C-alpha atoms as a PDB file:
ATOM      1  CA  MET A   1      -0.003  -0.001  -0.004  1.00  0.00           C
ATOM      2  CA  GLU A   2       2.855   2.353   0.822  1.00  0.00           C
ATOM      3  CA  LYS A   3       4.110   1.998  -2.766  1.00  0.00           C
ATOM      4  CA  TYR A   4       0.728   3.024  -4.168  1.00  0.00           C
ATOM      5  CA  ILE A   5       0.534   6.066  -1.873  1.00  0.00           C
ATOM      6  CA  LYS A   6       3.985   7.066  -3.019  1.00  0.00           C
ATOM      7  CA  ALA A   7       2.881   6.678  -6.624  1.00  0.00           C
ATOM      8  CA  ILE A   8      -0.078   8.990  -6.043  1.00  0.00           C
ATOM      9  CA  LEU A   9       2.092  11.629  -4.323  1.00  0.00           C
ATOM     10  CA  ASP A  10       4.816  11.396  -7.012  1.00  0.00           C
ATOM     11  CA  GLY A  11       2.097  11.623  -9.642  1.00  0.00           C
ATOM     12  CA  TYR A  12       0.722  14.874  -8.237  1.00  0.00           C
ATOM     13  CA  TYR A  13       4.114  16.401  -7.566  1.00  0.00           C
ATOM     14  CA  GLY A  14       5.438  15.442 -11.008  1.00  0.00           C
ATOM     15  CA  TYR A  15       2.359  16.631 -12.862  1.00  0.00           C
ATOM     16  CA  TRP A  16       2.252  19.947 -10.998  1.00  0.00           C
ATOM     17  CA  ASN A  17       5.859  20.634 -12.009  1.00  0.00           C
ATOM     18  CA  TYR A  18       5.077  19.583 -15.595  1.00  0.00           C
ATOM     19  CA  PHE A  19       1.909  21.727 -15.707  1.00  0.00           C
ATOM     20  CA  THR A  20       3.565  24.877 -14.396  1.00  0.00           C
ATOM     21  CA  GLY A  21       6.570  24.268 -16.601  1.00  0.00           C
ATOM     22  CA  GLU A  22       4.371  23.981 -19.673  1.00  0.00           C
ATOM     23  CA  ILE A  23       2.761  27.407 -18.984  1.00  0.00           C
ATOM     24  CA  LEU A  24       5.905  29.240 -17.881  1.00  0.00           C
ATOM     25  CA  ASN A  25       8.319  27.861 -20.489  1.00  0.00           C
ATOM     26  CA  PRO A  26       6.964  28.055 -24.073  1.00  0.00           C
ATOM     27  CA  SER A  27       8.849  25.828 -26.500  1.00  0.00           C
ATOM     28  CA  TRP A  28       8.386  23.678 -29.620  1.00  0.00           C
ATOM     29  CA  HIS A  29       7.723  20.718 -27.375  1.00  0.00           C
ATOM     30  CA  ASN A  30       5.085  22.472 -25.262  1.00  0.00           C
ATOM     31  CA  TYR A  31       1.628  20.775 -25.344  1.00  0.00           C
ATOM     32  CA  PHE A  32      -0.156  23.725 -23.731  1.00  0.00           C
ATOM     33  CA  TYR A  33       0.804  26.337 -26.343  1.00  0.00           C
ATOM     34  CA  TRP A  34       0.418  23.920 -29.268  1.00  0.00           C
ATOM     35  CA  LEU A  35      -3.138  23.245 -28.041  1.00  0.00           C
ATOM     36  CA  VAL A  36      -3.848  26.966 -27.763  1.00  0.00           C
ATOM     37  CA  GLY A  37      -2.147  27.772 -31.079  1.00  0.00           C
ATOM     38  CA  ALA A  38      -3.787  24.955 -33.074  1.00  0.00           C
ATOM     39  CA  SER A  39      -7.171  25.798 -31.618  1.00  0.00           C
ATOM     40  CA  LEU A  40      -6.874  29.525 -32.558  1.00  0.00           C
ATOM     41  CA  VAL A  41      -5.737  28.732 -36.099  1.00  0.00           C
ATOM     42  CA  ILE A  42      -8.533  26.198 -36.735  1.00  0.00           C
ATOM     43  CA  TYR A  43     -11.093  28.549 -35.130  1.00  0.00           C
ATOM     44  CA  GLY A  44      -9.835  31.318 -37.384  1.00  0.00           C
ATOM     45  CA  LEU A  45     -10.368  29.036 -40.416  1.00  0.00           C
ATOM     46  CA  GLU A  46     -13.923  28.344 -39.198  1.00  0.00           C
ATOM     47  CA  ILE A  47     -14.638  32.084 -39.072  1.00  0.00           C
ATOM     48  CA  LEU A  48     -13.109  32.837 -42.479  1.00  0.00           C
ATOM     49  CA  PHE A  49     -14.327  29.721 -44.357  1.00  0.00           C
ATOM     50  CA  PRO A  50     -17.367  28.261 -42.545  1.00  0.00           C
ATOM     51  CA  TRP A  51     -18.979  25.196 -44.016  1.00  0.00           C
ATOM     52  CA  ARG A  52     -22.269  25.815 -42.233  1.00  0.00           C
ATOM     53  CA  LYS A  53     -22.609  29.545 -42.919  1.00  0.00           C
ATOM     54  CA  ASN A  54     -25.660  29.959 -40.766  1.00  0.00           C
ATOM     55  CA  GLN A  55     -23.963  28.614 -37.681  1.00  0.00           C
ATOM     56  CA  PRO A  56     -23.006  31.397 -35.223  1.00  0.00           C
ATOM     57  CA  ILE A  57     -19.306  32.149 -34.668  1.00  0.00           C
ATOM     58  CA  ILE A  58     -19.937  31.662 -30.935  1.00  0.00           C
ATOM     59  CA  ARG A  59     -21.985  28.578 -31.434  1.00  0.00           C
ATOM     60  CA  GLU A  60     -24.212  26.901 -28.834  1.00  0.00           C
ATOM     61  CA  HIS A  61     -22.248  25.706 -25.780  1.00  0.00           C
ATOM     62  CA  PHE A  62     -19.044  27.125 -27.285  1.00  0.00           C
ATOM     63  CA  TRP A  63     -17.653  28.145 -23.863  1.00  0.00           C
ATOM     64  CA  LEU A  64     -18.568  24.794 -22.321  1.00  0.00           C
ATOM     65  CA  ASP A  65     -16.532  23.078 -25.012  1.00  0.00           C
ATOM     66  CA  ILE A  66     -13.622  25.432 -24.429  1.00  0.00           C
ATOM     67  CA  PHE A  67     -13.697  24.445 -20.775  1.00  0.00           C
ATOM     68  CA  TYR A  68     -13.796  20.748 -21.750  1.00  0.00           C
ATOM     69  CA  LEU A  69     -10.821  21.364 -24.030  1.00  0.00           C
ATOM     70  CA  PHE A  70      -8.651  22.486 -21.110  1.00  0.00           C
ATOM     71  CA  TRP A  71     -10.278  20.196 -18.556  1.00  0.00           C
ATOM     72  CA  ASN A  72      -9.634  16.992 -20.483  1.00  0.00           C
ATOM     73  CA  TYR A  73      -6.249  18.017 -21.813  1.00  0.00           C
ATOM     74  CA  PHE A  74      -4.776  19.464 -18.570  1.00  0.00           C
ATOM     75  CA  LEU A  75      -7.028  20.064 -15.599  1.00  0.00           C
ATOM     76  CA  PHE A  76      -8.424  16.572 -15.001  1.00  0.00           C
ATOM     77  CA  ALA A  77      -4.903  15.213 -14.939  1.00  0.00           C
ATOM     78  CA  LEU A  78      -4.129  17.809 -12.285  1.00  0.00           C
ATOM     79  CA  VAL A  79      -7.107  16.715 -10.193  1.00  0.00           C
ATOM     80  CA  ALA A  80      -6.913  12.934 -10.457  1.00  0.00           C
ATOM     81  CA  TYR A  81      -5.915  11.183 -13.672  1.00  0.00           C
ATOM     82  CA  ASN A  82      -2.134  11.361 -13.541  1.00  0.00           C
ATOM     83  CA  ALA A  83      -1.947  10.052  -9.965  1.00  0.00           C
ATOM     84  CA  LEU A  84      -4.537   7.321 -10.620  1.00  0.00           C
ATOM     85  CA  SER A  85      -2.767   6.240 -13.789  1.00  0.00           C
ATOM     86  CA  MET A  86       0.511   5.869 -11.878  1.00  0.00           C
ATOM     87  CA  VAL A  87      -1.325   3.532  -9.477  1.00  0.00           C
ATOM     88  CA  ALA A  88      -2.885   1.639 -12.394  1.00  0.00           C
ATOM     89  CA  VAL A  89       0.532   1.070 -13.992  1.00  0.00           C
ATOM     90  CA  GLU A  90       1.962  -0.156 -10.721  1.00  0.00           C
ATOM     91  CA  ALA A  91      -1.012  -2.496 -10.149  1.00  0.00           C
ATOM     92  CA  PHE A  92      -0.789  -3.814 -13.738  1.00  0.00           C
ATOM     93  CA  ASN A  93       2.920  -4.598 -13.337  1.00  0.00           C
ATOM     94  CA  ASP A  94       2.250  -6.220  -9.927  1.00  0.00           C
ATOM     95  CA  LEU A  95      -0.462  -8.378 -11.508  1.00  0.00           C
ATOM     96  CA  LEU A  96       1.973  -9.512 -14.194  1.00  0.00           C
ATOM     97  CA  GLY A  97       4.505 -10.265 -11.452  1.00  0.00           C
ATOM     98  CA  LEU A  98       2.077 -12.783  -9.943  1.00  0.00           C
ATOM     99  CA  PHE A  99       2.584 -14.818 -13.107  1.00  0.00           C
ATOM    100  CA  GLY A 100       6.351 -14.391 -13.120  1.00  0.00           C
ATOM    101  CA  ILE A 101       6.284 -11.693 -15.818  1.00  0.00           C
ATOM    102  CA  THR A 102       8.639  -8.880 -15.035  1.00  0.00           C
ATOM    103  CA  ASN A 103       9.006  -7.289 -18.512  1.00  0.00           C
ATOM    104  CA  THR A 104       5.965  -6.433 -20.621  1.00  0.00           C
ATOM    105  CA  VAL A 105       8.016  -5.732 -23.736  1.00  0.00           C
ATOM    106  CA  ALA A 106       7.215  -8.414 -26.293  1.00  0.00           C
ATOM    107  CA  ILE A 107       8.533  -6.704 -29.402  1.00  0.00           C
ATOM    108  CA  LYS A 108      11.508  -4.309 -29.355  1.00  0.00           C
ATOM    109  CA  VAL A 109      11.422  -1.634 -32.013  1.00  0.00           C
ATOM    110  CA  ASP A 110      13.617   0.965 -30.307  1.00  0.00           C
ATOM    111  CA  ARG A 111      16.449   0.301 -32.795  1.00  0.00           C
ATOM    112  CA  LEU A 112      14.327   1.297 -35.782  1.00  0.00           C
ATOM    113  CA  PRO A 113      14.686   4.760 -37.270  1.00  0.00           C
ATOM    114  CA  GLY A 114      12.825   7.439 -35.311  1.00  0.00           C
ATOM    115  CA  TRP A 115      10.400   8.253 -38.138  1.00  0.00           C
ATOM    116  CA  LEU A 116       9.421   4.572 -38.402  1.00  0.00           C
ATOM    117  CA  GLN A 117       8.851   4.329 -34.676  1.00  0.00           C
ATOM    118  CA  LEU A 118       6.579   7.376 -34.875  1.00  0.00           C
ATOM    119  CA  PHE A 119       4.697   5.862 -37.793  1.00  0.00           C
ATOM    120  CA  ILE A 120       4.173   2.539 -35.966  1.00  0.00           C
ATOM    121  CA  ILE A 121       3.012   4.332 -32.821  1.00  0.00           C
ATOM    122  CA  PHE A 122       0.568   6.437 -34.876  1.00  0.00           C
ATOM    123  CA  ILE A 123      -0.917   3.451 -36.738  1.00  0.00           C
ATOM    124  CA  LEU A 124      -1.128   1.206 -33.674  1.00  0.00           C
ATOM    125  CA  ARG A 125      -2.569   3.906 -31.448  1.00  0.00           C
ATOM    126  CA  ASP A 126      -5.138   5.013 -34.049  1.00  0.00           C
ATOM    127  CA  PHE A 127      -6.377   1.454 -34.569  1.00  0.00           C
ATOM    128  CA  MET A 128      -6.692   0.997 -30.799  1.00  0.00           C
ATOM    129  CA  GLN A 129      -8.687   4.266 -30.591  1.00  0.00           C
ATOM    130  CA  TRP A 130     -10.952   3.132 -33.436  1.00  0.00           C
ATOM    131  CA  ALA A 131     -11.592  -0.198 -31.728  1.00  0.00           C
ATOM    132  CA  ILE A 132     -12.213   1.405 -28.319  1.00  0.00           C
ATOM    133  CA  HIS A 133     -14.447   4.065 -29.916  1.00  0.00           C
ATOM    134  CA  ARG A 134     -16.470   1.309 -31.547  1.00  0.00           C
ATOM    135  CA  MET A 135     -16.831  -0.347 -28.098  1.00  0.00           C
ATOM    136  CA  TYR A 136     -18.219   2.944 -26.723  1.00  0.00           C
ATOM    137  CA  HIS A 137     -21.091   2.666 -29.138  1.00  0.00           C
ATOM    138  CA  HIS A 138     -21.855  -1.043 -28.611  1.00  0.00           C
ATOM    139  CA  VAL A 139     -21.304  -1.541 -24.813  1.00  0.00           C
ATOM    140  CA  GLY A 140     -24.234  -0.048 -22.938  1.00  0.00           C
ATOM    141  CA  TRP A 141     -22.454   1.360 -19.879  1.00  0.00           C
ATOM    142  CA  MET A 142     -19.636   2.810 -22.073  1.00  0.00           C
ATOM    143  CA  TRP A 143     -22.201   4.473 -24.279  1.00  0.00           C
ATOM    144  CA  GLU A 144     -23.649   6.332 -21.263  1.00  0.00           C
ATOM    145  CA  PHE A 145     -20.301   8.065 -20.794  1.00  0.00           C
ATOM    146  CA  HIS A 146     -19.794   8.644 -24.508  1.00  0.00           C
ATOM    147  CA  LYS A 147     -23.152  10.412 -24.783  1.00  0.00           C
ATOM    148  CA  VAL A 148     -21.430  13.524 -23.345  1.00  0.00           C
ATOM    149  CA  HIS A 149     -19.370  13.795 -26.564  1.00  0.00           C
ATOM    150  CA  HIS A 150     -22.438  13.277 -28.738  1.00  0.00           C
ATOM    151  CA  SER A 151     -24.535  15.830 -26.861  1.00  0.00           C
ATOM    152  CA  THR A 152     -23.201  18.711 -28.911  1.00  0.00           C
ATOM    153  CA  ARG A 153     -25.799  20.082 -31.292  1.00  0.00           C
ATOM    154  CA  GLU A 154     -23.472  22.317 -33.312  1.00  0.00           C
ATOM    155  CA  MET A 155     -20.108  21.027 -34.393  1.00  0.00           C
ATOM    156  CA  GLY A 156     -16.860  22.976 -34.062  1.00  0.00           C
ATOM    157  CA  PHE A 157     -13.181  22.371 -33.429  1.00  0.00           C
ATOM    158  CA  ALA A 158     -13.555  22.320 -29.633  1.00  0.00           C
ATOM    159  CA  ALA A 159     -16.182  19.553 -29.755  1.00  0.00           C
ATOM    160  CA  LEU A 160     -13.301  17.096 -30.120  1.00  0.00           C
ATOM    161  CA  LEU A 161     -12.475  17.355 -26.400  1.00  0.00           C
ATOM    162  CA  ARG A 162     -16.046  17.505 -25.067  1.00  0.00           C
ATOM    163  CA  TYR A 163     -16.064  14.081 -23.411  1.00  0.00           C
ATOM    164  CA  HIS A 164     -16.545  12.603 -19.946  1.00  0.00           C
ATOM    165  CA  TRP A 165     -13.439  12.205 -17.835  1.00  0.00           C
ATOM    166  CA  MET A 166     -14.104   8.482 -17.597  1.00  0.00           C
ATOM    167  CA  GLU A 167     -13.187   8.273 -21.266  1.00  0.00           C
ATOM    168  CA  ASN A 168      -9.696   9.447 -20.347  1.00  0.00           C
ATOM    169  CA  ILE A 169      -9.363   6.579 -17.954  1.00  0.00           C
ATOM    170  CA  LEU A 170     -10.870   3.882 -20.200  1.00  0.00           C
ATOM    171  CA  TYR A 171      -8.959   4.953 -23.337  1.00  0.00           C
ATOM    172  CA  ARG A 172      -5.608   5.229 -21.616  1.00  0.00           C
ATOM    173  CA  THR A 173      -6.017   1.932 -19.697  1.00  0.00           C
ATOM    174  CA  LEU A 174      -7.021  -0.039 -22.790  1.00  0.00           C
ATOM    175  CA  GLU A 175      -4.299   1.639 -24.888  1.00  0.00           C
ATOM    176  CA  TYR A 176      -1.583   1.006 -22.310  1.00  0.00           C
ATOM    177  CA  ILE A 177      -1.421  -2.788 -22.647  1.00  0.00           C
ATOM    178  CA  PRO A 178      -0.530  -3.124 -26.358  1.00  0.00           C
ATOM    179  CA  LEU A 179       1.712  -0.036 -26.352  1.00  0.00           C
ATOM    180  CA  ALA A 180       3.510  -1.345 -23.204  1.00  0.00           C
ATOM    181  CA  MET A 181       4.350  -4.518 -25.122  1.00  0.00           C
ATOM    182  CA  ILE A 182       6.411  -2.657 -27.687  1.00  0.00           C
ATOM    183  CA  GLY A 183       9.813  -1.350 -26.635  1.00  0.00           C
ATOM    184  CA  PHE A 184       9.783   2.134 -28.032  1.00  0.00           C
ATOM    185  CA  GLY A 185      12.827   4.281 -27.441  1.00  0.00           C
ATOM    186  CA  ILE A 186      11.207   7.309 -29.033  1.00  0.00           C
ATOM    187  CA  THR A 187      11.238  10.577 -27.107  1.00  0.00           C
ATOM    188  CA  ASP A 188       9.097  12.524 -29.601  1.00  0.00           C
ATOM    189  CA  PHE A 189       5.768  10.855 -29.026  1.00  0.00           C
ATOM    190  CA  PHE A 190       4.751  14.514 -28.706  1.00  0.00           C
ATOM    191  CA  ILE A 191       4.752  14.711 -32.531  1.00  0.00           C
ATOM    192  CA  VAL A 192       2.184  11.908 -32.857  1.00  0.00           C
ATOM    193  CA  HIS A 193       0.041  13.401 -30.082  1.00  0.00           C
ATOM    194  CA  MET A 194      -0.084  16.850 -31.693  1.00  0.00           C
ATOM    195  CA  PHE A 195      -0.645  15.496 -35.143  1.00  0.00           C
ATOM    196  CA  THR A 196      -3.648  13.453 -33.955  1.00  0.00           C
ATOM    197  CA  LEU A 197      -4.944  16.439 -31.958  1.00  0.00           C
ATOM    198  CA  ILE A 198      -4.936  18.695 -34.998  1.00  0.00           C
ATOM    199  CA  LEU A 199      -6.534  16.048 -37.232  1.00  0.00           C
ATOM    200  CA  GLY A 200      -9.192  15.470 -34.522  1.00  0.00           C
ATOM    201  CA  GLN A 201      -9.996  19.170 -34.257  1.00  0.00           C
ATOM    202  CA  LEU A 202     -10.228  19.481 -38.024  1.00  0.00           C
ATOM    203  CA  GLY A 203     -12.529  16.449 -38.140  1.00  0.00           C
ATOM    204  CA  HIS A 204     -14.962  18.240 -35.805  1.00  0.00           C
ATOM    205  CA  ALA A 205     -14.534  21.703 -37.286  1.00  0.00           C
ATOM    206  CA  ASN A 206     -17.073  23.749 -39.209  1.00  0.00           C
ATOM    207  CA  LEU A 207     -14.957  23.395 -42.355  1.00  0.00           C
ATOM    208  CA  ASN A 208     -15.387  21.824 -45.777  1.00  0.00           C
ATOM    209  CA  ILE A 209     -12.164  19.896 -46.477  1.00  0.00           C
ATOM    210  CA  PRO A 210     -12.252  18.069 -49.799  1.00  0.00           C
ATOM    211  CA  LEU A 211      -9.911  15.133 -49.402  1.00  0.00           C
ATOM    212  CA  GLY A 212     -10.410  13.532 -52.806  1.00  0.00           C
ATOM    213  CA  PRO A 213      -8.968  10.015 -52.914  1.00  0.00           C
ATOM    214  CA  PHE A 214      -7.435  10.542 -49.449  1.00  0.00           C
ATOM    215  CA  ARG A 215     -10.998  10.290 -48.065  1.00  0.00           C
ATOM    216  CA  TYR A 216     -10.409   6.512 -47.823  1.00  0.00           C
ATOM    217  CA  ILE A 217      -7.416   7.053 -45.542  1.00  0.00           C
ATOM    218  CA  LEU A 218      -7.935  10.255 -43.532  1.00  0.00           C
ATOM    219  CA  ASN A 219     -10.970  11.224 -41.466  1.00  0.00           C
ATOM    220  CA  GLY A 220     -12.503  14.620 -42.199  1.00  0.00           C
ATOM    221  CA  PRO A 221     -15.395  16.856 -41.145  1.00  0.00           C
ATOM    222  CA  GLN A 222     -17.761  15.698 -43.933  1.00  0.00           C
ATOM    223  CA  MET A 223     -17.446  12.024 -42.914  1.00  0.00           C
ATOM    224  CA  HIS A 224     -17.303  12.633 -39.182  1.00  0.00           C
ATOM    225  CA  LEU A 225     -20.407  14.835 -39.204  1.00  0.00           C
ATOM    226  CA  TRP A 226     -22.404  11.715 -40.065  1.00  0.00           C
ATOM    227  CA  HIS A 227     -20.903   9.983 -36.985  1.00  0.00           C
ATOM    228  CA  HIS A 228     -22.648  12.663 -34.893  1.00  0.00           C
ATOM    229  CA  ALA A 229     -25.965  12.367 -36.803  1.00  0.00           C
ATOM    230  CA  LYS A 230     -28.979  12.851 -34.559  1.00  0.00           C
ATOM    231  CA  GLU A 231     -30.985  10.131 -36.206  1.00  0.00           C
ATOM    232  CA  LEU A 232     -29.148   6.897 -37.152  1.00  0.00           C
ATOM    233  CA  PRO A 233     -30.195   4.784 -40.170  1.00  0.00           C
ATOM    234  CA  GLU A 234     -31.695   1.332 -39.594  1.00  0.00           C
ATOM    235  CA  SER A 235     -28.643  -0.234 -41.215  1.00  0.00           C
ATOM    236  CA  HIS A 236     -26.385   1.158 -38.514  1.00  0.00           C
ATOM    237  CA  PRO A 237     -28.366   1.340 -35.253  1.00  0.00           C
ATOM    238  CA  ASN A 238     -25.296   1.595 -33.003  1.00  0.00           C
ATOM    239  CA  GLY A 239     -23.256   4.058 -35.077  1.00  0.00           C
ATOM    240  CA  PHE A 240     -20.596   4.167 -37.794  1.00  0.00           C
ATOM    241  CA  ASN A 241     -17.484   6.133 -38.913  1.00  0.00           C
ATOM    242  CA  TYR A 242     -15.573   5.408 -35.688  1.00  0.00           C
ATOM    243  CA  GLY A 243     -12.223   6.565 -37.084  1.00  0.00           C
ATOM    244  CA  ILE A 244     -10.331   9.214 -35.094  1.00  0.00           C
ATOM    245  CA  SER A 245      -7.506  10.340 -37.378  1.00  0.00           C
ATOM    246  CA  LEU A 246      -7.875   7.672 -40.090  1.00  0.00           C
ATOM    247  CA  SER A 247     -11.019   6.645 -41.991  1.00  0.00           C
ATOM    248  CA  LEU A 248      -9.080   3.620 -43.228  1.00  0.00           C
ATOM    249  CA  TRP A 249     -10.348   1.293 -40.453  1.00  0.00           C
ATOM    250  CA  ASP A 250     -14.008   2.089 -41.183  1.00  0.00           C
ATOM    251  CA  PHE A 251     -13.636   1.300 -44.888  1.00  0.00           C
ATOM    252  CA  LEU A 252     -11.574  -1.790 -44.117  1.00  0.00           C
ATOM    253  CA  PHE A 253     -14.003  -3.240 -41.534  1.00  0.00           C
ATOM    254  CA  ARG A 254     -17.135  -1.918 -43.268  1.00  0.00           C
ATOM    255  CA  THR A 255     -18.296   0.408 -40.507  1.00  0.00           C
ATOM    256  CA  ASN A 256     -18.372   3.375 -42.889  1.00  0.00           C
ATOM    257  CA  TYR A 257     -21.528   5.333 -43.793  1.00  0.00           C
ATOM    258  CA  TRP A 258     -21.230   8.524 -45.846  1.00  0.00           C
ATOM    259  CA  PRO A 259     -24.248   8.937 -48.147  1.00  0.00           C
ATOM    260  CA  SER A 260     -23.590  12.641 -48.912  1.00  0.00           C
ATOM    261  CA  ASP A 261     -21.800  15.814 -47.816  1.00  0.00           C
ATOM    262  CA  ASP A 262     -24.703  17.405 -45.907  1.00  0.00           C
ATOM    263  CA  GLU A 263     -23.510  20.454 -43.928  1.00  0.00           C
ATOM    264  CA  ASN A 264     -27.044  20.890 -42.550  1.00  0.00           C
ATOM    265  CA  LEU A 265     -27.281  17.374 -41.102  1.00  0.00           C
ATOM    266  CA  PRO A 266     -28.851  17.617 -37.612  1.00  0.00           C
ATOM    267  CA  VAL A 267     -26.374  16.337 -35.020  1.00  0.00           C
ATOM    268  CA  GLY A 268     -26.614  15.483 -31.341  1.00  0.00           C
ATOM    269  CA  LEU A 269     -28.550  13.029 -29.171  1.00  0.00           C
ATOM    270  CA  PRO A 270     -32.225  12.301 -29.898  1.00  0.00           C
ATOM    271  CA  ASP A 271     -34.589  14.741 -28.182  1.00  0.00           C
ATOM    272  CA  GLY A 272     -35.916  11.957 -25.937  1.00  0.00           C
ATOM    273  CA  GLU A 273     -32.532  11.694 -24.191  1.00  0.00           C
ATOM    274  CA  ASN A 274     -33.112  14.886 -22.151  1.00  0.00           C
ATOM    275  CA  PHE A 275     -29.412  15.063 -21.544  1.00  0.00           C
ATOM    276  CA  PRO A 276     -28.026  17.745 -19.179  1.00  0.00           C
ATOM    277  CA  GLU A 277     -26.405  20.784 -20.767  1.00  0.00           C
ATOM    278  CA  ASP A 278     -24.057  21.837 -17.968  1.00  0.00           C
ATOM    279  CA  PHE A 279     -20.682  20.341 -16.893  1.00  0.00           C
ATOM    280  CA  ILE A 280     -21.786  19.082 -13.510  1.00  0.00           C
ATOM    281  CA  GLY A 281     -24.915  17.503 -14.918  1.00  0.00           C
ATOM    282  CA  GLN A 282     -22.985  15.861 -17.755  1.00  0.00           C
ATOM    283  CA  THR A 283     -20.391  14.584 -15.259  1.00  0.00           C
ATOM    284  CA  THR A 284     -22.927  12.926 -12.922  1.00  0.00           C
ATOM    285  CA  GLU A 285     -25.688  11.856 -15.345  1.00  0.00           C
ATOM    286  CA  PRO A 286     -23.873   8.794 -16.823  1.00  0.00           C
ATOM    287  CA  PHE A 287     -23.306   7.384 -13.355  1.00  0.00           C
ATOM    288  CA  LYS A 288     -26.989   7.900 -12.508  1.00  0.00           C
ATOM    289  CA  ARG A 289     -28.142   6.121 -15.713  1.00  0.00           C
ATOM    290  CA  ILE A 290     -25.788   3.213 -15.180  1.00  0.00           C
ATOM    291  CA  PHE A 291     -26.959   2.855 -11.567  1.00  0.00           C
ATOM    292  CA  ARG A 292     -30.654   2.963 -12.615  1.00  0.00           C
ATOM    293  CA  ARG A 293     -29.976   0.369 -15.322  1.00  0.00           C
ATOM    294  CA  LYS A 294     -28.412  -1.974 -12.740  1.00  0.00           C
ATOM    295  CA  LYS A 295     -31.404  -1.650 -10.450  1.00  0.00           C
ATOM    296  CA  THR A 296     -33.940  -2.605 -13.146  1.00  0.00           C
END
């Protein structure tokens, strides 16, 4: 137990130093200012070249999404996630130790060129995110948390990071196992993270981005808008277009649905959901619904 308490304390201490260092020391490897800079550039593009021209510049729940953007990217880690994840890693390694496994690395790729390591990380991580995202739409209790992300009724760049904090925990936990089995020596995972952040914001943005033949590889706002459709077709009752950065997985596994480029497509949860529209309500509502479901 003492080891886990130390992991929590080290997690908070280490993250506080990291967080303050990010704000006080701008650099090319600074997540905070890349997030702010990328968001401002993409928002500027939305203002100059809007796809949905009738959508207000300050769209519905814009400031809530801005809060989510910083909450999920920085503040939640400051409150709980980083310390909890340190404990989870310790517990996972202890569990493996019960079976005599002391090293989770199954494949060592740290001797490969840096660019190839980055490419492998990007592909593996994006496939894992696609698979986990698909689970969110098919596993009942997971879907209750994911409804927060789908509650937005007007799409914009900041909608990417409107999601329940439990998604942080579930995504990172499920991603950790396969990534831990590959011995990466790469120090610039930052590049992959920022690349996927920018692609994700563009995928949610109020922009028309014609990808041409690259539509079968890269996700974009026209395809992803359908993922947020308010009414789902009978052929896909649990959802479709689960790709985060890449559309490749959806075309490969036939979970794609893109009948047209419809900028006026109604998005959000069905009206009958009566989902809360404030942060506290959206934080607590999934737990209430899961609890009620268990009681029935």
